[in-house]
Amino acid sequence: MLSILVTVSAVPTLLKVSNSNAANVAGSPGGVGELLEPTLGIVDQLGTVLEGWGTLKECPRTIPCAVHALMRVSEPCTHVAFNVLWAVCKLAPEECVPTPVEAGLAAKLMLVI
């Protein structure tokens, strides 16, 4: 299933859905977070297979979308967003680490501290 998502280039679409849902969460009724959590869950699962990890790493929207989803909906959603960041950044930290900082991760981490 995961390889099919990579093959049909579904990653940018999933990230677009997760980012638009995260943007609409604050103050909007109607359970938008119900879409964000499963979408991020699929993205998280993609990070567990080599071809999915490569696709996530190469997509310029992966890290900004994951950072944007942090602390927006629920604790499980935040956990999955951190998993996505970890999956993308752990194998190529020198390439990936500046991007989360530019996307606002440092400010969100300061809120936790």
PDB file of N, CA and C in Angstrom:
ATOM      1  N   MET A   1       0.830  -1.198   0.000  1.00  0.00           N
ATOM      2  CA  MET A   1       0.000   0.000   0.000  1.00  0.00           C
ATOM      3  C   MET A   1       0.873   1.260   0.000  1.00  0.00           C
ATOM      4  N   LEU A   2       1.897   1.292   0.861  1.00  0.00           N
ATOM      5  CA  LEU A   2       2.738   2.481   0.952  1.00  0.00           C
ATOM      6  C   LEU A   2       3.494   2.733  -0.340  1.00  0.00           C
ATOM      7  N   SER A   3       3.969   1.672  -0.969  1.00  0.00           N
ATOM      8  CA  SER A   3       4.707   1.859  -2.217  1.00  0.00           C
ATOM      9  C   SER A   3       3.798   2.421  -3.316  1.00  0.00           C
ATOM     10  N   ILE A   4       2.516   2.069  -3.277  1.00  0.00           N
ATOM     11  CA  ILE A   4       1.572   2.617  -4.261  1.00  0.00           C
ATOM     12  C   ILE A   4       1.444   4.131  -4.068  1.00  0.00           C
ATOM     13  N   LEU A   5       1.382   4.573  -2.814  1.00  0.00           N
ATOM     14  CA  LEU A   5       1.285   6.009  -2.545  1.00  0.00           C
ATOM     15  C   LEU A   5       2.498   6.751  -3.082  1.00  0.00           C
ATOM     16  N   VAL A   6       3.666   6.143  -2.953  1.00  0.00           N
ATOM     17  CA  VAL A   6       4.883   6.769  -3.474  1.00  0.00           C
ATOM     18  C   VAL A   6       4.853   6.762  -4.999  1.00  0.00           C
ATOM     19  N   THR A   7       4.453   5.633  -5.583  1.00  0.00           N
ATOM     20  CA  THR A   7       4.439   5.489  -7.029  1.00  0.00           C
ATOM     21  C   THR A   7       3.507   6.496  -7.709  1.00  0.00           C
ATOM     22  N   VAL A   8       2.345   6.723  -7.115  1.00  0.00           N
ATOM     23  CA  VAL A   8       1.390   7.645  -7.736  1.00  0.00           C
ATOM     24  C   VAL A   8       1.601   9.089  -7.285  1.00  0.00           C
ATOM     25  N   SER A   9       2.703   9.338  -6.614  1.00  0.00           N
ATOM     26  CA  SER A   9       3.060  10.689  -6.158  1.00  0.00           C
ATOM     27  C   SER A   9       1.992  11.309  -5.258  1.00  0.00           C
ATOM     28  N   ALA A  10       1.510  10.538  -4.310  1.00  0.00           N
ATOM     29  CA  ALA A  10       0.472  11.020  -3.396  1.00  0.00           C
ATOM     30  C   ALA A  10       1.027  11.865  -2.258  1.00  0.00           C
ATOM     31  N   VAL A  11       2.327  11.830  -2.039  1.00  0.00           N
ATOM     32  CA  VAL A  11       2.907  12.543  -0.899  1.00  0.00           C
ATOM     33  C   VAL A  11       2.605  14.044  -0.941  1.00  0.00           C
ATOM     34  N   PRO A  12       2.834  14.752  -2.056  1.00  0.00           N
ATOM     35  CA  PRO A  12       2.499  16.189  -2.057  1.00  0.00           C
ATOM     36  C   PRO A  12       1.024  16.459  -1.759  1.00  0.00           C
ATOM     37  N   THR A  13       0.144  15.601  -2.248  1.00  0.00           N
ATOM     38  CA  THR A  13      -1.284  15.783  -1.990  1.00  0.00           C
ATOM     39  C   THR A  13      -1.601  15.562  -0.517  1.00  0.00           C
ATOM     40  N   LEU A  14      -1.034  14.528   0.075  1.00  0.00           N
ATOM     41  CA  LEU A  14      -1.240  14.281   1.508  1.00  0.00           C
ATOM     42  C   LEU A  14      -0.733  15.459   2.336  1.00  0.00           C
ATOM     43  N   LEU A  15       0.413  15.994   1.959  1.00  0.00           N
ATOM     44  CA  LEU A  15       0.963  17.133   2.696  1.00  0.00           C
ATOM     45  C   LEU A  15       0.100  18.374   2.509  1.00  0.00           C
ATOM     46  N   LYS A  16      -0.455  18.540   1.332  1.00  0.00           N
ATOM     47  CA  LYS A  16      -1.347  19.673   1.090  1.00  0.00           C
ATOM     48  C   LYS A  16      -2.592  19.555   1.962  1.00  0.00           C
ATOM     49  N   VAL A  17      -3.156  18.354   2.052  1.00  0.00           N
ATOM     50  CA  VAL A  17      -4.333  18.124   2.890  1.00  0.00           C
ATOM     51  C   VAL A  17      -3.993  18.371   4.350  1.00  0.00           C
ATOM     52  N   SER A  18      -2.861  17.843   4.804  1.00  0.00           N
ATOM     53  CA  SER A  18      -2.501  18.014   6.216  1.00  0.00           C
ATOM     54  C   SER A  18      -2.229  19.475   6.527  1.00  0.00           C
ATOM     55  N   ASN A  19      -1.598  20.192   5.627  1.00  0.00           N
ATOM     56  CA  ASN A  19      -1.297  21.597   5.873  1.00  0.00           C
ATOM     57  C   ASN A  19      -2.558  22.453   5.850  1.00  0.00           C
ATOM     58  N   SER A  20      -3.469  22.197   4.923  1.00  0.00           N
ATOM     59  CA  SER A  20      -4.698  22.986   4.877  1.00  0.00           C
ATOM     60  C   SER A  20      -5.557  22.699   6.095  1.00  0.00           C
ATOM     61  N   ASN A  21      -5.565  21.460   6.569  1.00  0.00           N
ATOM     62  CA  ASN A  21      -6.316  21.130   7.777  1.00  0.00           C
ATOM     63  C   ASN A  21      -5.698  21.776   8.998  1.00  0.00           C
ATOM     64  N   ALA A  22      -4.379  21.773   9.086  1.00  0.00           N
ATOM     65  CA  ALA A  22      -3.723  22.397  10.228  1.00  0.00           C
ATOM     66  C   ALA A  22      -3.974  23.889  10.244  1.00  0.00           C
ATOM     67  N   ALA A  23      -4.016  24.493   9.073  1.00  0.00           N
ATOM     68  CA  ALA A  23      -4.248  25.936   9.003  1.00  0.00           C
ATOM     69  C   ALA A  23      -5.657  26.303   9.447  1.00  0.00           C
ATOM     70  N   ASN A  24      -6.596  25.398   9.261  1.00  0.00           N
ATOM     71  CA  ASN A  24      -7.988  25.681   9.580  1.00  0.00           C
ATOM     72  C   ASN A  24      -8.413  25.218  10.965  1.00  0.00           C
ATOM     73  N   VAL A  25      -7.522  24.621  11.717  1.00  0.00           N
ATOM     74  CA  VAL A  25      -7.896  24.031  13.005  1.00  0.00           C
ATOM     75  C   VAL A  25      -8.227  25.090  14.042  1.00  0.00           C
ATOM     76  N   ALA A  26      -7.398  26.089  14.151  1.00  0.00           N
ATOM     77  CA  ALA A  26      -7.567  27.058  15.233  1.00  0.00           C
ATOM     78  C   ALA A  26      -8.911  27.754  15.144  1.00  0.00           C
ATOM     79  N   GLY A  27      -9.774  27.470  16.096  1.00  0.00           N
ATOM     80  CA  GLY A  27     -11.049  28.152  16.211  1.00  0.00           C
ATOM     81  C   GLY A  27     -12.124  27.724  15.236  1.00  0.00           C
ATOM     82  N   SER A  28     -11.892  26.663  14.453  1.00  0.00           N
ATOM     83  CA  SER A  28     -12.939  26.275  13.508  1.00  0.00           C
ATOM     84  C   SER A  28     -13.635  25.011  13.978  1.00  0.00           C
ATOM     85  N   PRO A  29     -14.931  25.066  14.137  1.00  0.00           N
ATOM     86  CA  PRO A  29     -15.674  23.879  14.534  1.00  0.00           C
ATOM     87  C   PRO A  29     -15.816  22.918  13.356  1.00  0.00           C
ATOM     88  N   GLY A  30     -16.223  21.712  13.663  1.00  0.00           N
ATOM     89  CA  GLY A  30     -16.497  20.780  12.578  1.00  0.00           C
ATOM     90  C   GLY A  30     -15.521  19.634  12.487  1.00  0.00           C
ATOM     91  N   GLY A  31     -14.640  19.483  13.446  1.00  0.00           N
ATOM     92  CA  GLY A  31     -13.783  18.316  13.470  1.00  0.00           C
ATOM     93  C   GLY A  31     -12.723  18.264  12.399  1.00  0.00           C
ATOM     94  N   VAL A  32     -12.139  19.384  12.048  1.00  0.00           N
ATOM     95  CA  VAL A  32     -11.083  19.391  11.037  1.00  0.00           C
ATOM     96  C   VAL A  32      -9.923  18.512  11.477  1.00  0.00           C
ATOM     97  N   GLY A  33      -9.663  18.470  12.775  1.00  0.00           N
ATOM     98  CA  GLY A  33      -8.584  17.638  13.295  1.00  0.00           C
ATOM     99  C   GLY A  33      -8.792  16.166  13.024  1.00  0.00           C
ATOM    100  N   GLU A  34     -10.021  15.766  12.813  1.00  0.00           N
ATOM    101  CA  GLU A  34     -10.301  14.372  12.497  1.00  0.00           C
ATOM    102  C   GLU A  34      -9.678  13.976  11.167  1.00  0.00           C
ATOM    103  N   LEU A  35      -9.475  14.919  10.267  1.00  0.00           N
ATOM    104  CA  LEU A  35      -8.808  14.639   9.000  1.00  0.00           C
ATOM    105  C   LEU A  35      -7.297  14.747   9.121  1.00  0.00           C
ATOM    106  N   LEU A  36      -6.840  15.647   9.958  1.00  0.00           N
ATOM    107  CA  LEU A  36      -5.408  15.884  10.085  1.00  0.00           C
ATOM    108  C   LEU A  36      -4.686  14.682  10.676  1.00  0.00           C
ATOM    109  N   GLU A  37      -5.229  14.108  11.736  1.00  0.00           N
ATOM    110  CA  GLU A  37      -4.545  12.984  12.389  1.00  0.00           C
ATOM    111  C   GLU A  37      -4.335  11.791  11.465  1.00  0.00           C
ATOM    112  N   PRO A  38      -5.367  11.299  10.759  1.00  0.00           N
ATOM    113  CA  PRO A  38      -5.116  10.165   9.861  1.00  0.00           C
ATOM    114  C   PRO A  38      -4.194  10.517   8.687  1.00  0.00           C
ATOM    115  N   THR A  39      -4.289  11.744   8.201  1.00  0.00           N
ATOM    116  CA  THR A  39      -3.419  12.150   7.099  1.00  0.00           C
ATOM    117  C   THR A  39      -1.963  12.139   7.553  1.00  0.00           C
ATOM    118  N   LEU A  40      -1.706  12.714   8.727  1.00  0.00           N
ATOM    119  CA  LEU A  40      -0.340  12.681   9.256  1.00  0.00           C
ATOM    120  C   LEU A  40       0.097  11.255   9.571  1.00  0.00           C
ATOM    121  N   GLY A  41      -0.850  10.419   9.983  1.00  0.00           N
ATOM    122  CA  GLY A  41      -0.529   9.014  10.250  1.00  0.00           C
ATOM    123  C   GLY A  41      -0.033   8.307   9.005  1.00  0.00           C
ATOM    124  N   ILE A  42      -0.651   8.585   7.870  1.00  0.00           N
ATOM    125  CA  ILE A  42      -0.203   7.988   6.608  1.00  0.00           C
ATOM    126  C   ILE A  42       1.185   8.509   6.255  1.00  0.00           C
ATOM    127  N   VAL A  43       1.377   9.801   6.412  1.00  0.00           N
ATOM    128  CA  VAL A  43       2.696  10.388   6.127  1.00  0.00           C
ATOM    129  C   VAL A  43       3.750   9.771   7.055  1.00  0.00           C
ATOM    130  N   ASP A  44       3.392   9.582   8.318  1.00  0.00           N
ATOM    131  CA  ASP A  44       4.302   8.948   9.282  1.00  0.00           C
ATOM    132  C   ASP A  44       4.663   7.536   8.833  1.00  0.00           C
ATOM    133  N   GLN A  45       3.689   6.770   8.395  1.00  0.00           N
ATOM    134  CA  GLN A  45       3.953   5.406   7.927  1.00  0.00           C
ATOM    135  C   GLN A  45       4.852   5.401   6.697  1.00  0.00           C
ATOM    136  N   LEU A  46       4.696   6.383   5.838  1.00  0.00           N
ATOM    137  CA  LEU A  46       5.562   6.470   4.662  1.00  0.00           C
ATOM    138  C   LEU A  46       7.028   6.628   5.062  1.00  0.00           C
ATOM    139  N   GLY A  47       7.255   7.297   6.185  1.00  0.00           N
ATOM    140  CA  GLY A  47       8.620   7.492   6.657  1.00  0.00           C
ATOM    141  C   GLY A  47       9.284   6.235   7.178  1.00  0.00           C
ATOM    142  N   THR A  48       8.524   5.157   7.317  1.00  0.00           N
ATOM    143  CA  THR A  48       9.088   3.911   7.842  1.00  0.00           C
ATOM    144  C   THR A  48       9.641   3.008   6.754  1.00  0.00           C
ATOM    145  N   VAL A  49       9.383   3.323   5.493  1.00  0.00           N
ATOM    146  CA  VAL A  49       9.926   2.534   4.391  1.00  0.00           C
ATOM    147  C   VAL A  49      10.872   3.405   3.585  1.00  0.00           C
ATOM    148  N   LEU A  50      11.901   2.798   3.046  1.00  0.00           N
ATOM    149  CA  LEU A  50      12.976   3.547   2.390  1.00  0.00           C
ATOM    150  C   LEU A  50      12.473   4.441   1.259  1.00  0.00           C
ATOM    151  N   GLU A  51      11.636   3.900   0.383  1.00  0.00           N
ATOM    152  CA  GLU A  51      11.168   4.715  -0.741  1.00  0.00           C
ATOM    153  C   GLU A  51      10.269   5.855  -0.266  1.00  0.00           C
ATOM    154  N   GLY A  52       9.495   5.601   0.775  1.00  0.00           N
ATOM    155  CA  GLY A  52       8.647   6.660   1.340  1.00  0.00           C
ATOM    156  C   GLY A  52       9.473   7.725   2.024  1.00  0.00           C
ATOM    157  N   TRP A  53      10.510   7.294   2.763  1.00  0.00           N
ATOM    158  CA  TRP A  53      11.383   8.246   3.446  1.00  0.00           C
ATOM    159  C   TRP A  53      12.048   9.160   2.418  1.00  0.00           C
ATOM    160  N   GLY A  54      12.529   8.559   1.337  1.00  0.00           N
ATOM    161  CA  GLY A  54      13.178   9.360   0.300  1.00  0.00           C
ATOM    162  C   GLY A  54      12.237  10.384  -0.317  1.00  0.00           C
ATOM    163  N   THR A  55      11.006   9.967  -0.540  1.00  0.00           N
ATOM    164  CA  THR A  55      10.015  10.883  -1.108  1.00  0.00           C
ATOM    165  C   THR A  55       9.694  12.012  -0.136  1.00  0.00           C
ATOM    166  N   LEU A  56       9.533  11.673   1.143  1.00  0.00           N
ATOM    167  CA  LEU A  56       9.259  12.702   2.151  1.00  0.00           C
ATOM    168  C   LEU A  56      10.427  13.671   2.264  1.00  0.00           C
ATOM    169  N   LYS A  57      11.634  13.140   2.236  1.00  0.00           N
ATOM    170  CA  LYS A  57      12.822  13.981   2.357  1.00  0.00           C
ATOM    171  C   LYS A  57      12.948  14.936   1.172  1.00  0.00           C
ATOM    172  N   GLU A  58      12.610  14.468  -0.005  1.00  0.00           N
ATOM    173  CA  GLU A  58      12.750  15.284  -1.210  1.00  0.00           C
ATOM    174  C   GLU A  58      11.625  16.305  -1.382  1.00  0.00           C
ATOM    175  N   CYS A  59      10.490  16.070  -0.767  1.00  0.00           N
ATOM    176  CA  CYS A  59       9.370  16.996  -0.921  1.00  0.00           C
ATOM    177  C   CYS A  59       9.615  18.235  -0.048  1.00  0.00           C
ATOM    178  N   PRO A  60       9.620  19.411  -0.632  1.00  0.00           N
ATOM    179  CA  PRO A  60       9.921  20.622   0.142  1.00  0.00           C
ATOM    180  C   PRO A  60       8.835  20.995   1.153  1.00  0.00           C
ATOM    181  N   ARG A  61       7.677  20.382   1.072  1.00  0.00           N
ATOM    182  CA  ARG A  61       6.577  20.717   1.984  1.00  0.00           C
ATOM    183  C   ARG A  61       6.539  19.844   3.239  1.00  0.00           C
ATOM    184  N   THR A  62       7.306  18.759   3.275  1.00  0.00           N
ATOM    185  CA  THR A  62       7.209  17.806   4.377  1.00  0.00           C
ATOM    186  C   THR A  62       7.496  18.466   5.726  1.00  0.00           C
ATOM    187  N   ILE A  63       8.644  19.063   5.862  1.00  0.00           N
ATOM    188  CA  ILE A  63       9.046  19.624   7.155  1.00  0.00           C
ATOM    189  C   ILE A  63       8.165  20.807   7.546  1.00  0.00           C
ATOM    190  N   PRO A  64       7.911  21.775   6.668  1.00  0.00           N
ATOM    191  CA  PRO A  64       7.019  22.865   7.071  1.00  0.00           C
ATOM    192  C   PRO A  64       5.620  22.391   7.478  1.00  0.00           C
ATOM    193  N   CYS A  65       5.085  21.397   6.786  1.00  0.00           N
ATOM    194  CA  CYS A  65       3.747  20.891   7.140  1.00  0.00           C
ATOM    195  C   CYS A  65       3.757  20.213   8.503  1.00  0.00           C
ATOM    196  N   ALA A  66       4.803  19.432   8.779  1.00  0.00           N
ATOM    197  CA  ALA A  66       4.897  18.760  10.068  1.00  0.00           C
ATOM    198  C   ALA A  66       5.054  19.779  11.198  1.00  0.00           C
ATOM    199  N   VAL A  67       5.890  20.782  11.000  1.00  0.00           N
ATOM    200  CA  VAL A  67       6.063  21.820  12.025  1.00  0.00           C
ATOM    201  C   VAL A  67       4.752  22.572  12.239  1.00  0.00           C
ATOM    202  N   HIS A  68       4.049  22.874  11.175  1.00  0.00           N
ATOM    203  CA  HIS A  68       2.794  23.614  11.279  1.00  0.00           C
ATOM    204  C   HIS A  68       1.744  22.832  12.075  1.00  0.00           C
ATOM    205  N   ALA A  69       1.789  21.502  11.983  1.00  0.00           N
ATOM    206  CA  ALA A  69       0.800  20.666  12.673  1.00  0.00           C
ATOM    207  C   ALA A  69       1.090  20.503  14.165  1.00  0.00           C
ATOM    208  N   LEU A  70       2.307  20.822  14.591  1.00  0.00           N
ATOM    209  CA  LEU A  70       2.668  20.643  15.997  1.00  0.00           C
ATOM    210  C   LEU A  70       1.789  21.487  16.903  1.00  0.00           C
ATOM    211  N   MET A  71       1.264  20.863  17.936  1.00  0.00           N
ATOM    212  CA  MET A  71       0.469  21.522  18.978  1.00  0.00           C
ATOM    213  C   MET A  71      -0.756  22.236  18.426  1.00  0.00           C
ATOM    214  N   ARG A  72      -1.332  21.725  17.351  1.00  0.00           N
ATOM    215  CA  ARG A  72      -2.495  22.373  16.753  1.00  0.00           C
ATOM    216  C   ARG A  72      -3.805  21.654  17.068  1.00  0.00           C
ATOM    217  N   VAL A  73      -3.796  20.335  17.128  1.00  0.00           N
ATOM    218  CA  VAL A  73      -5.035  19.587  17.254  1.00  0.00           C
ATOM    219  C   VAL A  73      -5.084  18.814  18.558  1.00  0.00           C
ATOM    220  N   SER A  74      -4.146  17.905  18.724  1.00  0.00           N
ATOM    221  CA  SER A  74      -4.184  17.023  19.881  1.00  0.00           C
ATOM    222  C   SER A  74      -2.777  16.524  20.184  1.00  0.00           C
ATOM    223  N   GLU A  75      -2.632  15.907  21.327  1.00  0.00           N
ATOM    224  CA  GLU A  75      -1.342  15.338  21.687  1.00  0.00           C
ATOM    225  C   GLU A  75      -0.928  14.219  20.724  1.00  0.00           C
ATOM    226  N   PRO A  76      -1.849  13.298  20.349  1.00  0.00           N
ATOM    227  CA  PRO A  76      -1.440  12.280  19.372  1.00  0.00           C
ATOM    228  C   PRO A  76      -1.019  12.875  18.029  1.00  0.00           C
ATOM    229  N   CYS A  77      -1.683  13.923  17.602  1.00  0.00           N
ATOM    230  CA  CYS A  77      -1.332  14.578  16.342  1.00  0.00           C
ATOM    231  C   CYS A  77       0.070  15.197  16.443  1.00  0.00           C
ATOM    232  N   THR A  78       0.351  15.832  17.564  1.00  0.00           N
ATOM    233  CA  THR A  78       1.675  16.411  17.787  1.00  0.00           C
ATOM    234  C   THR A  78       2.736  15.323  17.791  1.00  0.00           C
ATOM    235  N   HIS A  79       2.428  14.196  18.421  1.00  0.00           N
ATOM    236  CA  HIS A  79       3.363  13.068  18.469  1.00  0.00           C
ATOM    237  C   HIS A  79       3.683  12.571  17.052  1.00  0.00           C
ATOM    238  N   VAL A  80       2.659  12.423  16.237  1.00  0.00           N
ATOM    239  CA  VAL A  80       2.864  11.953  14.864  1.00  0.00           C
ATOM    240  C   VAL A  80       3.667  12.978  14.065  1.00  0.00           C
ATOM    241  N   ALA A  81       3.385  14.251  14.255  1.00  0.00           N
ATOM    242  CA  ALA A  81       4.139  15.295  13.540  1.00  0.00           C
ATOM    243  C   ALA A  81       5.620  15.242  13.927  1.00  0.00           C
ATOM    244  N   PHE A  82       5.909  15.023  15.226  1.00  0.00           N
ATOM    245  CA  PHE A  82       7.308  14.871  15.643  1.00  0.00           C
ATOM    246  C   PHE A  82       7.923  13.621  15.018  1.00  0.00           C
ATOM    247  N   ASN A  83       7.153  12.542  14.916  1.00  0.00           N
ATOM    248  CA  ASN A  83       7.658  11.326  14.271  1.00  0.00           C
ATOM    249  C   ASN A  83       8.045  11.593  12.823  1.00  0.00           C
ATOM    250  N   VAL A  84       7.221  12.360  12.126  1.00  0.00           N
ATOM    251  CA  VAL A  84       7.516  12.689  10.725  1.00  0.00           C
ATOM    252  C   VAL A  84       8.811  13.494  10.648  1.00  0.00           C
ATOM    253  N   LEU A  85       8.938  14.491  11.519  1.00  0.00           N
ATOM    254  CA  LEU A  85      10.172  15.296  11.534  1.00  0.00           C
ATOM    255  C   LEU A  85      11.389  14.423  11.818  1.00  0.00           C
ATOM    256  N   TRP A  86      11.253  13.543  12.788  1.00  0.00           N
ATOM    257  CA  TRP A  86      12.366  12.663  13.149  1.00  0.00           C
ATOM    258  C   TRP A  86      12.727  11.748  11.983  1.00  0.00           C
ATOM    259  N   ALA A  87      11.728  11.155  11.346  1.00  0.00           N
ATOM    260  CA  ALA A  87      11.983  10.238  10.234  1.00  0.00           C
ATOM    261  C   ALA A  87      12.723  10.939   9.103  1.00  0.00           C
ATOM    262  N   VAL A  88      12.344  12.167   8.824  1.00  0.00           N
ATOM    263  CA  VAL A  88      12.954  12.891   7.703  1.00  0.00           C
ATOM    264  C   VAL A  88      14.357  13.375   8.073  1.00  0.00           C
ATOM    265  N   CYS A  89      14.526  13.850   9.295  1.00  0.00           N
ATOM    266  CA  CYS A  89      15.792  14.501   9.666  1.00  0.00           C
ATOM    267  C   CYS A  89      16.870  13.568  10.212  1.00  0.00           C
ATOM    268  N   LYS A  90      16.510  12.410  10.719  1.00  0.00           N
ATOM    269  CA  LYS A  90      17.500  11.585  11.415  1.00  0.00           C
ATOM    270  C   LYS A  90      18.589  11.028  10.509  1.00  0.00           C
ATOM    271  N   LEU A  91      18.282  10.736   9.267  1.00  0.00           N
ATOM    272  CA  LEU A  91      19.281  10.141   8.395  1.00  0.00           C
ATOM    273  C   LEU A  91      20.082  11.160   7.598  1.00  0.00           C
ATOM    274  N   ALA A  92      19.635  12.391   7.585  1.00  0.00           N
ATOM    275  CA  ALA A  92      20.364  13.442   6.870  1.00  0.00           C
ATOM    276  C   ALA A  92      20.255  14.750   7.649  1.00  0.00           C
ATOM    277  N   PRO A  93      20.757  14.783   8.894  1.00  0.00           N
ATOM    278  CA  PRO A  93      20.557  15.973   9.718  1.00  0.00           C
ATOM    279  C   PRO A  93      21.200  17.235   9.150  1.00  0.00           C
ATOM    280  N   GLU A  94      22.352  17.111   8.535  1.00  0.00           N
ATOM    281  CA  GLU A  94      23.011  18.305   8.010  1.00  0.00           C
ATOM    282  C   GLU A  94      22.203  18.958   6.896  1.00  0.00           C
ATOM    283  N   GLU A  95      21.430  18.159   6.172  1.00  0.00           N
ATOM    284  CA  GLU A  95      20.578  18.706   5.108  1.00  0.00           C
ATOM    285  C   GLU A  95      19.268  19.252   5.651  1.00  0.00           C
ATOM    286  N   CYS A  96      18.724  18.576   6.655  1.00  0.00           N
ATOM    287  CA  CYS A  96      17.340  18.832   7.054  1.00  0.00           C
ATOM    288  C   CYS A  96      17.164  19.733   8.270  1.00  0.00           C
ATOM    289  N   VAL A  97      18.133  19.827   9.125  1.00  0.00           N
ATOM    290  CA  VAL A  97      17.937  20.544  10.387  1.00  0.00           C
ATOM    291  C   VAL A  97      17.606  22.025  10.219  1.00  0.00           C
ATOM    292  N   PRO A  98      18.199  22.761   9.296  1.00  0.00           N
ATOM    293  CA  PRO A  98      17.828  24.177   9.189  1.00  0.00           C
ATOM    294  C   PRO A  98      16.364  24.410   8.803  1.00  0.00           C
ATOM    295  N   THR A  99      15.774  23.509   8.053  1.00  0.00           N
ATOM    296  CA  THR A  99      14.412  23.716   7.558  1.00  0.00           C
ATOM    297  C   THR A  99      13.379  23.789   8.678  1.00  0.00           C
ATOM    298  N   PRO A 100      13.394  22.875   9.678  1.00  0.00           N
ATOM    299  CA  PRO A 100      12.405  23.011  10.755  1.00  0.00           C
ATOM    300  C   PRO A 100      12.559  24.315  11.538  1.00  0.00           C
ATOM    301  N   VAL A 101      13.786  24.753  11.717  1.00  0.00           N
ATOM    302  CA  VAL A 101      14.007  26.007  12.442  1.00  0.00           C
ATOM    303  C   VAL A 101      13.414  27.169  11.650  1.00  0.00           C
ATOM    304  N   GLU A 102      13.636  27.170  10.346  1.00  0.00           N
ATOM    305  CA  GLU A 102      13.070  28.212   9.489  1.00  0.00           C
ATOM    306  C   GLU A 102      11.546  28.163   9.466  1.00  0.00           C
ATOM    307  N   ALA A 103      10.976  26.962   9.652  1.00  0.00           N
ATOM    308  CA  ALA A 103       9.521  26.805   9.619  1.00  0.00           C
ATOM    309  C   ALA A 103       8.856  27.137  10.966  1.00  0.00           C
ATOM    310  N   GLY A 104       9.653  27.476  11.973  1.00  0.00           N
ATOM    311  CA  GLY A 104       9.079  27.894  13.246  1.00  0.00           C
ATOM    312  C   GLY A 104       9.140  26.879  14.361  1.00  0.00           C
ATOM    313  N   LEU A 105       9.929  25.814  14.196  1.00  0.00           N
ATOM    314  CA  LEU A 105      10.006  24.784  15.243  1.00  0.00           C
ATOM    315  C   LEU A 105      10.582  25.328  16.539  1.00  0.00           C
ATOM    316  N   ALA A 106      11.586  26.184  16.457  1.00  0.00           N
ATOM    317  CA  ALA A 106      12.203  26.712  17.675  1.00  0.00           C
ATOM    318  C   ALA A 106      11.187  27.458  18.546  1.00  0.00           C
ATOM    319  N   ALA A 107      10.348  28.252  17.923  1.00  0.00           N
ATOM    320  CA  ALA A 107       9.333  29.003  18.678  1.00  0.00           C
ATOM    321  C   ALA A 107       8.342  28.048  19.341  1.00  0.00           C
ATOM    322  N   LYS A 108       7.947  26.997  18.638  1.00  0.00           N
ATOM    323  CA  LYS A 108       7.001  26.041  19.231  1.00  0.00           C
ATOM    324  C   LYS A 108       7.649  25.271  20.372  1.00  0.00           C
ATOM    325  N   LEU A 109       8.918  24.937  20.243  1.00  0.00           N
ATOM    326  CA  LEU A 109       9.607  24.246  21.334  1.00  0.00           C
ATOM    327  C   LEU A 109       9.760  25.148  22.559  1.00  0.00           C
ATOM    328  N   MET A 110       9.934  26.426  22.337  1.00  0.00           N
ATOM    329  CA  MET A 110      10.028  27.365  23.463  1.00  0.00           C
ATOM    330  C   MET A 110       8.714  27.399  24.242  1.00  0.00           C
ATOM    331  N   LEU A 111       7.592  27.231  23.581  1.00  0.00           N
ATOM    332  CA  LEU A 111       6.318  27.180  24.263  1.00  0.00           C
ATOM    333  C   LEU A 111       6.237  25.970  25.201  1.00  0.00           C
ATOM    334  N   VAL A 112       6.850  24.880  24.809  1.00  0.00           N
ATOM    335  CA  VAL A 112       6.850  23.665  25.623  1.00  0.00           C
ATOM    336  C   VAL A 112       7.716  23.856  26.852  1.00  0.00           C
ATOM    337  N   ILE A 113       8.840  24.514  26.671  1.00  0.00           N
ATOM    338  CA  ILE A 113       9.781  24.725  27.778  1.00  0.00           C
ATOM    339  C   ILE A 113       9.191  25.734  28.708  1.00  0.00           C
TER     340      ILE A 113
END
